[in-house]
Every structure is written in structure tokens, then in C-alpha cells.
Amino acid sequence: MNMTDSGENFRRVRFSLRISPDLYLSYYQGVARAVVVKSFDGRTIQFPANVLQQFVTHDGVNGVFEMDFDANNKFVAIRRVGD
């Protein structure tokens, strides 16, 4: 899915993420603050690790996610859309 403008005036990007429990602990402890991923359309996206807190399980953070940004590329929302 490409990052495109929508009727809500934000941009959307989709990516897959696999973060082990040990690696996520470094985010939680503040050792690492940003997550960098490559979206399905090849873009490199960087965002604050704390937006993933709601998705952490005993297996870490795993799945396909969709993230929305405003017109200034500021984070708006994230949701898990698949495995």
C-alpha cells in the first residue's frame, strides 16, 4: 500500500514488524527510542517506539501494521491489521 492522502487528510503506510521480547526491552528501558522499518512500498519509516506498547505480548511485537501520519508526517495512529 502506498503512502497516499485520504479524505481524512492523513497519509497511511503498511509494514511488517518482528521485534523480540529482548529487543523490545531495550525500547522500554529507553536505550533505543525510535523504530525504523521499511514499508511494503519500500519507504523507510521512523517512529517513536512507545507507540507499540499496546501491541507488546510475551512474544514481543509481531504482525502487519498500518500507520497514519498527518500532512506534516507526524504520527496520528497505528493499528495491527494482520499476522
PDB file of N, CA and C in Angstrom:
ATOM      1  N   MET A   1       0.844  -1.181   0.000  1.00  0.00           N
ATOM      2  CA  MET A   1       0.000   0.000   0.000  1.00  0.00           C
ATOM      3  C   MET A   1       0.884   1.236   0.000  1.00  0.00           C
ATOM      4  N   ASN A   2       0.620   2.135  -0.858  1.00  0.00           N
ATOM      5  CA  ASN A   2       1.405   3.363  -0.945  1.00  0.00           C
ATOM      6  C   ASN A   2       0.951   4.373   0.087  1.00  0.00           C
ATOM      7  N   MET A   3       1.860   5.257   0.453  1.00  0.00           N
ATOM      8  CA  MET A   3       1.528   6.342   1.359  1.00  0.00           C
ATOM      9  C   MET A   3       0.785   7.383   0.530  1.00  0.00           C
ATOM     10  N   THR A   4      -0.518   7.544   0.779  1.00  0.00           N
ATOM     11  CA  THR A   4      -1.325   8.451  -0.031  1.00  0.00           C
ATOM     12  C   THR A   4      -2.214   9.308   0.847  1.00  0.00           C
ATOM     13  N   ASP A   5      -2.631  10.454   0.300  1.00  0.00           N
ATOM     14  CA  ASP A   5      -3.585  11.299   1.001  1.00  0.00           C
ATOM     15  C   ASP A   5      -4.934  10.616   0.983  1.00  0.00           C
ATOM     16  N   SER A   6      -5.676  10.754   2.071  1.00  0.00           N
ATOM     17  CA  SER A   6      -7.025  10.202   2.135  1.00  0.00           C
ATOM     18  C   SER A   6      -7.982  11.324   2.471  1.00  0.00           C
ATOM     19  N   GLY A   7      -9.260  11.014   2.537  1.00  0.00           N
ATOM     20  CA  GLY A   7     -10.273  12.010   2.849  1.00  0.00           C
ATOM     21  C   GLY A   7     -10.082  12.643   4.209  1.00  0.00           C
ATOM     22  N   GLU A   8      -9.437  11.940   5.131  1.00  0.00           N
ATOM     23  CA  GLU A   8      -9.212  12.476   6.470  1.00  0.00           C
ATOM     24  C   GLU A   8      -7.984  13.375   6.522  1.00  0.00           C
ATOM     25  N   ASN A   9      -7.361  13.623   5.381  1.00  0.00           N
ATOM     26  CA  ASN A   9      -6.176  14.472   5.280  1.00  0.00           C
ATOM     27  C   ASN A   9      -4.993  13.903   6.061  1.00  0.00           C
ATOM     28  N   PHE A  10      -4.789  12.590   5.949  1.00  0.00           N
ATOM     29  CA  PHE A  10      -3.595  11.985   6.514  1.00  0.00           C
ATOM     30  C   PHE A  10      -3.039  10.962   5.537  1.00  0.00           C
ATOM     31  N   ARG A  11      -1.848  10.513   5.827  1.00  0.00           N
ATOM     32  CA  ARG A  11      -1.172   9.544   4.974  1.00  0.00           C
ATOM     33  C   ARG A  11      -1.102   8.212   5.709  1.00  0.00           C
ATOM     34  N   ARG A  12      -1.086   7.135   4.957  1.00  0.00           N
ATOM     35  CA  ARG A  12      -1.104   5.794   5.548  1.00  0.00           C
ATOM     36  C   ARG A  12       0.020   4.972   4.950  1.00  0.00           C
ATOM     37  N   VAL A  13       0.649   4.160   5.796  1.00  0.00           N
ATOM     38  CA  VAL A  13       1.720   3.269   5.347  1.00  0.00           C
ATOM     39  C   VAL A  13       1.539   1.924   6.052  1.00  0.00           C
ATOM     40  N   ARG A  14       1.894   0.847   5.348  1.00  0.00           N
ATOM     41  CA  ARG A  14       1.740  -0.508   5.903  1.00  0.00           C
ATOM     42  C   ARG A  14       3.102  -1.189   5.917  1.00  0.00           C
ATOM     43  N   PHE A  15       3.374  -1.951   7.004  1.00  0.00           N
ATOM     44  CA  PHE A  15       4.658  -2.631   7.148  1.00  0.00           C
ATOM     45  C   PHE A  15       4.516  -3.839   8.053  1.00  0.00           C
ATOM     46  N   SER A  16       5.485  -4.729   7.962  1.00  0.00           N
ATOM     47  CA  SER A  16       5.559  -5.903   8.819  1.00  0.00           C
ATOM     48  C   SER A  16       6.618  -5.642   9.886  1.00  0.00           C
ATOM     49  N   LEU A  17       6.366  -6.157  11.078  1.00  0.00           N
ATOM     50  CA  LEU A  17       7.292  -5.899  12.180  1.00  0.00           C
ATOM     51  C   LEU A  17       7.446  -7.149  13.029  1.00  0.00           C
ATOM     52  N   ARG A  18       8.677  -7.480  13.353  1.00  0.00           N
ATOM     53  CA  ARG A  18       9.003  -8.591  14.256  1.00  0.00           C
ATOM     54  C   ARG A  18      10.071  -8.080  15.225  1.00  0.00           C
ATOM     55  N   ILE A  19       9.666  -7.842  16.462  1.00  0.00           N
ATOM     56  CA  ILE A  19      10.604  -7.384  17.492  1.00  0.00           C
ATOM     57  C   ILE A  19      10.548  -8.392  18.630  1.00  0.00           C
ATOM     58  N   SER A  20      11.677  -8.998  18.943  1.00  0.00           N
ATOM     59  CA  SER A  20      11.733  -9.989  20.016  1.00  0.00           C
ATOM     60  C   SER A  20      11.478  -9.313  21.363  1.00  0.00           C
ATOM     61  N   PRO A  21      11.085 -10.109  22.372  1.00  0.00           N
ATOM     62  CA  PRO A  21      10.889  -9.537  23.707  1.00  0.00           C
ATOM     63  C   PRO A  21      12.146  -8.852  24.237  1.00  0.00           C
ATOM     64  N   ASP A  22      13.313  -9.459  24.007  1.00  0.00           N
ATOM     65  CA  ASP A  22      14.570  -8.870  24.496  1.00  0.00           C
ATOM     66  C   ASP A  22      14.867  -7.540  23.813  1.00  0.00           C
ATOM     67  N   LEU A  23      14.638  -7.476  22.515  1.00  0.00           N
ATOM     68  CA  LEU A  23      14.877  -6.223  21.803  1.00  0.00           C
ATOM     69  C   LEU A  23      13.880  -5.157  22.250  1.00  0.00           C
ATOM     70  N   TYR A  24      12.614  -5.531  22.416  1.00  0.00           N
ATOM     71  CA  TYR A  24      11.638  -4.529  22.850  1.00  0.00           C
ATOM     72  C   TYR A  24      11.991  -3.989  24.231  1.00  0.00           C
ATOM     73  N   LEU A  25      12.598  -4.814  25.066  1.00  0.00           N
ATOM     74  CA  LEU A  25      13.023  -4.357  26.391  1.00  0.00           C
ATOM     75  C   LEU A  25      13.976  -3.170  26.273  1.00  0.00           C
ATOM     76  N   SER A  26      14.842  -3.145  25.270  1.00  0.00           N
ATOM     77  CA  SER A  26      15.749  -2.004  25.095  1.00  0.00           C
ATOM     78  C   SER A  26      14.964  -0.737  24.755  1.00  0.00           C
ATOM     79  N   TYR A  27      13.857  -0.879  24.027  1.00  0.00           N
ATOM     80  CA  TYR A  27      12.994   0.272  23.758  1.00  0.00           C
ATOM     81  C   TYR A  27      12.320   0.714  25.051  1.00  0.00           C
ATOM     82  N   TYR A  28      11.792  -0.251  25.786  1.00  0.00           N
ATOM     83  CA  TYR A  28      11.073   0.043  27.024  1.00  0.00           C
ATOM     84  C   TYR A  28      11.984   0.748  28.035  1.00  0.00           C
ATOM     85  N   GLN A  29      13.236   0.323  28.103  1.00  0.00           N
ATOM     86  CA  GLN A  29      14.187   0.904  29.051  1.00  0.00           C
ATOM     87  C   GLN A  29      14.753   2.239  28.566  1.00  0.00           C
ATOM     88  N   GLY A  30      14.427   2.638  27.350  1.00  0.00           N
ATOM     89  CA  GLY A  30      14.887   3.916  26.833  1.00  0.00           C
ATOM     90  C   GLY A  30      16.244   3.880  26.168  1.00  0.00           C
ATOM     91  N   VAL A  31      16.828   2.672  26.049  1.00  0.00           N
ATOM     92  CA  VAL A  31      18.120   2.540  25.378  1.00  0.00           C
ATOM     93  C   VAL A  31      17.957   2.913  23.902  1.00  0.00           C
ATOM     94  N   ALA A  32      16.861   2.470  23.322  1.00  0.00           N
ATOM     95  CA  ALA A  32      16.515   2.830  21.937  1.00  0.00           C
ATOM     96  C   ALA A  32      15.155   3.519  21.989  1.00  0.00           C
ATOM     97  N   ARG A  33      15.004   4.590  21.256  1.00  0.00           N
ATOM     98  CA  ARG A  33      13.748   5.355  21.319  1.00  0.00           C
ATOM     99  C   ARG A  33      12.939   5.312  20.040  1.00  0.00           C
ATOM    100  N   ALA A  34      13.589   5.045  18.924  1.00  0.00           N
ATOM    101  CA  ALA A  34      12.886   5.054  17.644  1.00  0.00           C
ATOM    102  C   ALA A  34      12.977   3.689  16.969  1.00  0.00           C
ATOM    103  N   VAL A  35      11.930   3.334  16.273  1.00  0.00           N
ATOM    104  CA  VAL A  35      11.891   2.123  15.469  1.00  0.00           C
ATOM    105  C   VAL A  35      11.997   2.565  14.007  1.00  0.00           C
ATOM    106  N   VAL A  36      12.816   1.863  13.253  1.00  0.00           N
ATOM    107  CA  VAL A  36      12.965   2.152  11.829  1.00  0.00           C
ATOM    108  C   VAL A  36      12.563   0.891  11.070  1.00  0.00           C
ATOM    109  N   VAL A  37      11.607   1.040  10.157  1.00  0.00           N
ATOM    110  CA  VAL A  37      11.132  -0.093   9.359  1.00  0.00           C
ATOM    111  C   VAL A  37      11.074   0.297   7.891  1.00  0.00           C
ATOM    112  N   LYS A  38      11.060  -0.711   7.042  1.00  0.00           N
ATOM    113  CA  LYS A  38      10.843  -0.491   5.620  1.00  0.00           C
ATOM    114  C   LYS A  38       9.409  -0.905   5.325  1.00  0.00           C
ATOM    115  N   SER A  39       8.636   0.016   4.755  1.00  0.00           N
ATOM    116  CA  SER A  39       7.243  -0.262   4.427  1.00  0.00           C
ATOM    117  C   SER A  39       7.160  -1.206   3.232  1.00  0.00           C
ATOM    118  N   PHE A  40       5.967  -1.747   2.996  1.00  0.00           N
ATOM    119  CA  PHE A  40       5.771  -2.647   1.867  1.00  0.00           C
ATOM    120  C   PHE A  40       6.062  -1.966   0.531  1.00  0.00           C
ATOM    121  N   ASP A  41       5.908  -0.658   0.473  1.00  0.00           N
ATOM    122  CA  ASP A  41       6.192   0.045  -0.787  1.00  0.00           C
ATOM    123  C   ASP A  41       7.635   0.534  -0.877  1.00  0.00           C
ATOM    124  N   GLY A  42       8.491   0.128   0.093  1.00  0.00           N
ATOM    125  CA  GLY A  42       9.916   0.425   0.025  1.00  0.00           C
ATOM    126  C   GLY A  42      10.376   1.672   0.743  1.00  0.00           C
ATOM    127  N   ARG A  43       9.476   2.399   1.359  1.00  0.00           N
ATOM    128  CA  ARG A  43       9.865   3.607   2.094  1.00  0.00           C
ATOM    129  C   ARG A  43      10.441   3.240   3.453  1.00  0.00           C
ATOM    130  N   THR A  44      11.377   4.038   3.938  1.00  0.00           N
ATOM    131  CA  THR A  44      11.912   3.863   5.276  1.00  0.00           C
ATOM    132  C   THR A  44      11.136   4.785   6.205  1.00  0.00           C
ATOM    133  N   ILE A  45      10.573   4.203   7.257  1.00  0.00           N
ATOM    134  CA  ILE A  45       9.734   4.940   8.201  1.00  0.00           C
ATOM    135  C   ILE A  45      10.372   4.862   9.585  1.00  0.00           C
ATOM    136  N   GLN A  46      10.444   5.983  10.267  1.00  0.00           N
ATOM    137  CA  GLN A  46      10.952   6.034  11.635  1.00  0.00           C
ATOM    138  C   GLN A  46       9.859   6.594  12.519  1.00  0.00           C
ATOM    139  N   PHE A  47       9.645   5.958  13.692  1.00  0.00           N
ATOM    140  CA  PHE A  47       8.611   6.425  14.609  1.00  0.00           C
ATOM    141  C   PHE A  47       8.998   6.078  16.037  1.00  0.00           C
ATOM    142  N   PRO A  48       8.399   6.763  17.027  1.00  0.00           N
ATOM    143  CA  PRO A  48       8.719   6.505  18.432  1.00  0.00           C
ATOM    144  C   PRO A  48       8.305   5.098  18.855  1.00  0.00           C
ATOM    145  N   ALA A  49       9.180   4.407  19.551  1.00  0.00           N
ATOM    146  CA  ALA A  49       8.913   3.036  19.984  1.00  0.00           C
ATOM    147  C   ALA A  49       7.709   2.947  20.909  1.00  0.00           C
ATOM    148  N   ASN A  50       7.419   3.995  21.645  1.00  0.00           N
ATOM    149  CA  ASN A  50       6.326   3.918  22.621  1.00  0.00           C
ATOM    150  C   ASN A  50       4.957   3.725  21.974  1.00  0.00           C
ATOM    151  N   VAL A  51       4.809   3.994  20.678  1.00  0.00           N
ATOM    152  CA  VAL A  51       3.508   3.785  20.039  1.00  0.00           C
ATOM    153  C   VAL A  51       3.192   2.303  19.913  1.00  0.00           C
ATOM    154  N   LEU A  52       4.184   1.434  20.132  1.00  0.00           N
ATOM    155  CA  LEU A  52       3.977  -0.003  20.020  1.00  0.00           C
ATOM    156  C   LEU A  52       3.557  -0.663  21.331  1.00  0.00           C
ATOM    157  N   GLN A  53       3.539   0.066  22.424  1.00  0.00           N
ATOM    158  CA  GLN A  53       3.256  -0.525  23.740  1.00  0.00           C
ATOM    159  C   GLN A  53       1.984  -1.351  23.768  1.00  0.00           C
ATOM    160  N   GLN A  54       0.947  -0.894  23.113  1.00  0.00           N
ATOM    161  CA  GLN A  54      -0.329  -1.605  23.139  1.00  0.00           C
ATOM    162  C   GLN A  54      -0.281  -2.950  22.413  1.00  0.00           C
ATOM    163  N   PHE A  55       0.775  -3.209  21.642  1.00  0.00           N
ATOM    164  CA  PHE A  55       0.884  -4.435  20.859  1.00  0.00           C
ATOM    165  C   PHE A  55       1.894  -5.429  21.424  1.00  0.00           C
ATOM    166  N   VAL A  56       2.517  -5.113  22.550  1.00  0.00           N
ATOM    167  CA  VAL A  56       3.542  -5.977  23.127  1.00  0.00           C
ATOM    168  C   VAL A  56       2.889  -7.185  23.791  1.00  0.00           C
ATOM    169  N   THR A  57       3.402  -8.371  23.453  1.00  0.00           N
ATOM    170  CA  THR A  57       2.973  -9.612  24.101  1.00  0.00           C
ATOM    171  C   THR A  57       4.221 -10.300  24.646  1.00  0.00           C
ATOM    172  N   HIS A  58       4.055 -11.472  25.237  1.00  0.00           N
ATOM    173  CA  HIS A  58       5.226 -12.203  25.741  1.00  0.00           C
ATOM    174  C   HIS A  58       6.149 -12.629  24.599  1.00  0.00           C
ATOM    175  N   ASP A  59       5.665 -12.579  23.352  1.00  0.00           N
ATOM    176  CA  ASP A  59       6.477 -12.896  22.178  1.00  0.00           C
ATOM    177  C   ASP A  59       7.110 -11.660  21.547  1.00  0.00           C
ATOM    178  N   GLY A  60       6.935 -10.507  22.152  1.00  0.00           N
ATOM    179  CA  GLY A  60       7.452  -9.256  21.602  1.00  0.00           C
ATOM    180  C   GLY A  60       6.368  -8.522  20.830  1.00  0.00           C
ATOM    181  N   VAL A  61       6.731  -7.927  19.709  1.00  0.00           N
ATOM    182  CA  VAL A  61       5.776  -7.229  18.844  1.00  0.00           C
ATOM    183  C   VAL A  61       5.890  -7.869  17.467  1.00  0.00           C
ATOM    184  N   ASN A  62       4.787  -8.440  17.002  1.00  0.00           N
ATOM    185  CA  ASN A  62       4.790  -9.151  15.727  1.00  0.00           C
ATOM    186  C   ASN A  62       3.517  -8.860  14.963  1.00  0.00           C
ATOM    187  N   GLY A  63       3.639  -8.694  13.657  1.00  0.00           N
ATOM    188  CA  GLY A  63       2.460  -8.555  12.827  1.00  0.00           C
ATOM    189  C   GLY A  63       2.639  -7.577  11.697  1.00  0.00           C
ATOM    190  N   VAL A  64       1.537  -7.363  10.998  1.00  0.00           N
ATOM    191  CA  VAL A  64       1.464  -6.361   9.942  1.00  0.00           C
ATOM    192  C   VAL A  64       0.704  -5.185  10.526  1.00  0.00           C
ATOM    193  N   PHE A  65       1.256  -4.002  10.347  1.00  0.00           N
ATOM    194  CA  PHE A  65       0.693  -2.797  10.940  1.00  0.00           C
ATOM    195  C   PHE A  65       0.411  -1.759   9.872  1.00  0.00           C
ATOM    196  N   GLU A  66      -0.546  -0.914  10.176  1.00  0.00           N
ATOM    197  CA  GLU A  66      -0.872   0.220   9.325  1.00  0.00           C
ATOM    198  C   GLU A  66      -0.758   1.462  10.201  1.00  0.00           C
ATOM    199  N   MET A  67      -0.038   2.459   9.706  1.00  0.00           N
ATOM    200  CA  MET A  67       0.200   3.668  10.479  1.00  0.00           C
ATOM    201  C   MET A  67      -0.270   4.875   9.680  1.00  0.00           C
ATOM    202  N   ASP A  68      -0.911   5.814  10.366  1.00  0.00           N
ATOM    203  CA  ASP A  68      -1.374   7.052   9.746  1.00  0.00           C
ATOM    204  C   ASP A  68      -0.520   8.216  10.225  1.00  0.00           C
ATOM    205  N   PHE A  69      -0.233   9.125   9.293  1.00  0.00           N
ATOM    206  CA  PHE A  69       0.510  10.353   9.558  1.00  0.00           C
ATOM    207  C   PHE A  69      -0.306  11.518   9.045  1.00  0.00           C
ATOM    208  N   ASP A  70      -0.127  12.681   9.641  1.00  0.00           N
ATOM    209  CA  ASP A  70      -0.815  13.870   9.129  1.00  0.00           C
ATOM    210  C   ASP A  70      -0.045  14.444   7.940  1.00  0.00           C
ATOM    211  N   ALA A  71      -0.514  15.548   7.418  1.00  0.00           N
ATOM    212  CA  ALA A  71       0.108  16.164   6.243  1.00  0.00           C
ATOM    213  C   ALA A  71       1.548  16.604   6.504  1.00  0.00           C
ATOM    214  N   ASN A  72       1.927  16.758   7.784  1.00  0.00           N
ATOM    215  CA  ASN A  72       3.293  17.134   8.159  1.00  0.00           C
ATOM    216  C   ASN A  72       4.140  15.927   8.535  1.00  0.00           C
ATOM    217  N   ASN A  73       3.640  14.730   8.214  1.00  0.00           N
ATOM    218  CA  ASN A  73       4.314  13.467   8.526  1.00  0.00           C
ATOM    219  C   ASN A  73       4.481  13.210  10.015  1.00  0.00           C
ATOM    220  N   LYS A  74       3.573  13.718  10.818  1.00  0.00           N
ATOM    221  CA  LYS A  74       3.558  13.452  12.259  1.00  0.00           C
ATOM    222  C   LYS A  74       2.627  12.281  12.533  1.00  0.00           C
ATOM    223  N   PHE A  75       3.014  11.419  13.458  1.00  0.00           N
ATOM    224  CA  PHE A  75       2.236  10.240  13.813  1.00  0.00           C
ATOM    225  C   PHE A  75       0.815  10.611  14.236  1.00  0.00           C
ATOM    226  N   VAL A  76      -0.170   9.865  13.721  1.00  0.00           N
ATOM    227  CA  VAL A  76      -1.566  10.053  14.107  1.00  0.00           C
ATOM    228  C   VAL A  76      -2.097   8.798  14.785  1.00  0.00           C
ATOM    229  N   ALA A  77      -1.926   7.617  14.156  1.00  0.00           N
ATOM    230  CA  ALA A  77      -2.489   6.388  14.716  1.00  0.00           C
ATOM    231  C   ALA A  77      -1.770   5.171  14.137  1.00  0.00           C
ATOM    232  N   ILE A  78      -1.875   4.067  14.882  1.00  0.00           N
ATOM    233  CA  ILE A  78      -1.336   2.783  14.416  1.00  0.00           C
ATOM    234  C   ILE A  78      -2.328   1.702  14.769  1.00  0.00           C
ATOM    235  N   ARG A  79      -2.434   0.702  13.895  1.00  0.00           N
ATOM    236  CA  ARG A  79      -3.287  -0.444  14.185  1.00  0.00           C
ATOM    237  C   ARG A  79      -2.652  -1.689  13.571  1.00  0.00           C
ATOM    238  N   ARG A  80      -2.885  -2.802  14.218  1.00  0.00           N
ATOM    239  CA  ARG A  80      -2.412  -4.092  13.716  1.00  0.00           C
ATOM    240  C   ARG A  80      -3.465  -4.599  12.748  1.00  0.00           C
ATOM    241  N   VAL A  81      -3.043  -4.998  11.540  1.00  0.00           N
ATOM    242  CA  VAL A  81      -4.001  -5.428  10.517  1.00  0.00           C
ATOM    243  C   VAL A  81      -3.800  -6.865  10.082  1.00  0.00           C
ATOM    244  N   GLY A  82      -2.812  -7.562  10.650  1.00  0.00           N
ATOM    245  CA  GLY A  82      -2.585  -8.963  10.285  1.00  0.00           C
ATOM    246  C   GLY A  82      -1.398  -9.550  10.974  1.00  0.00           C
ATOM    247  N   ASP A  83      -1.171 -10.826  10.665  1.00  0.00           N
ATOM    248  CA  ASP A  83      -0.057 -11.572  11.275  1.00  0.00           C
ATOM    249  C   ASP A  83       1.185 -11.515  10.436  1.00  0.00           C
TER     250      ASP A  83
END
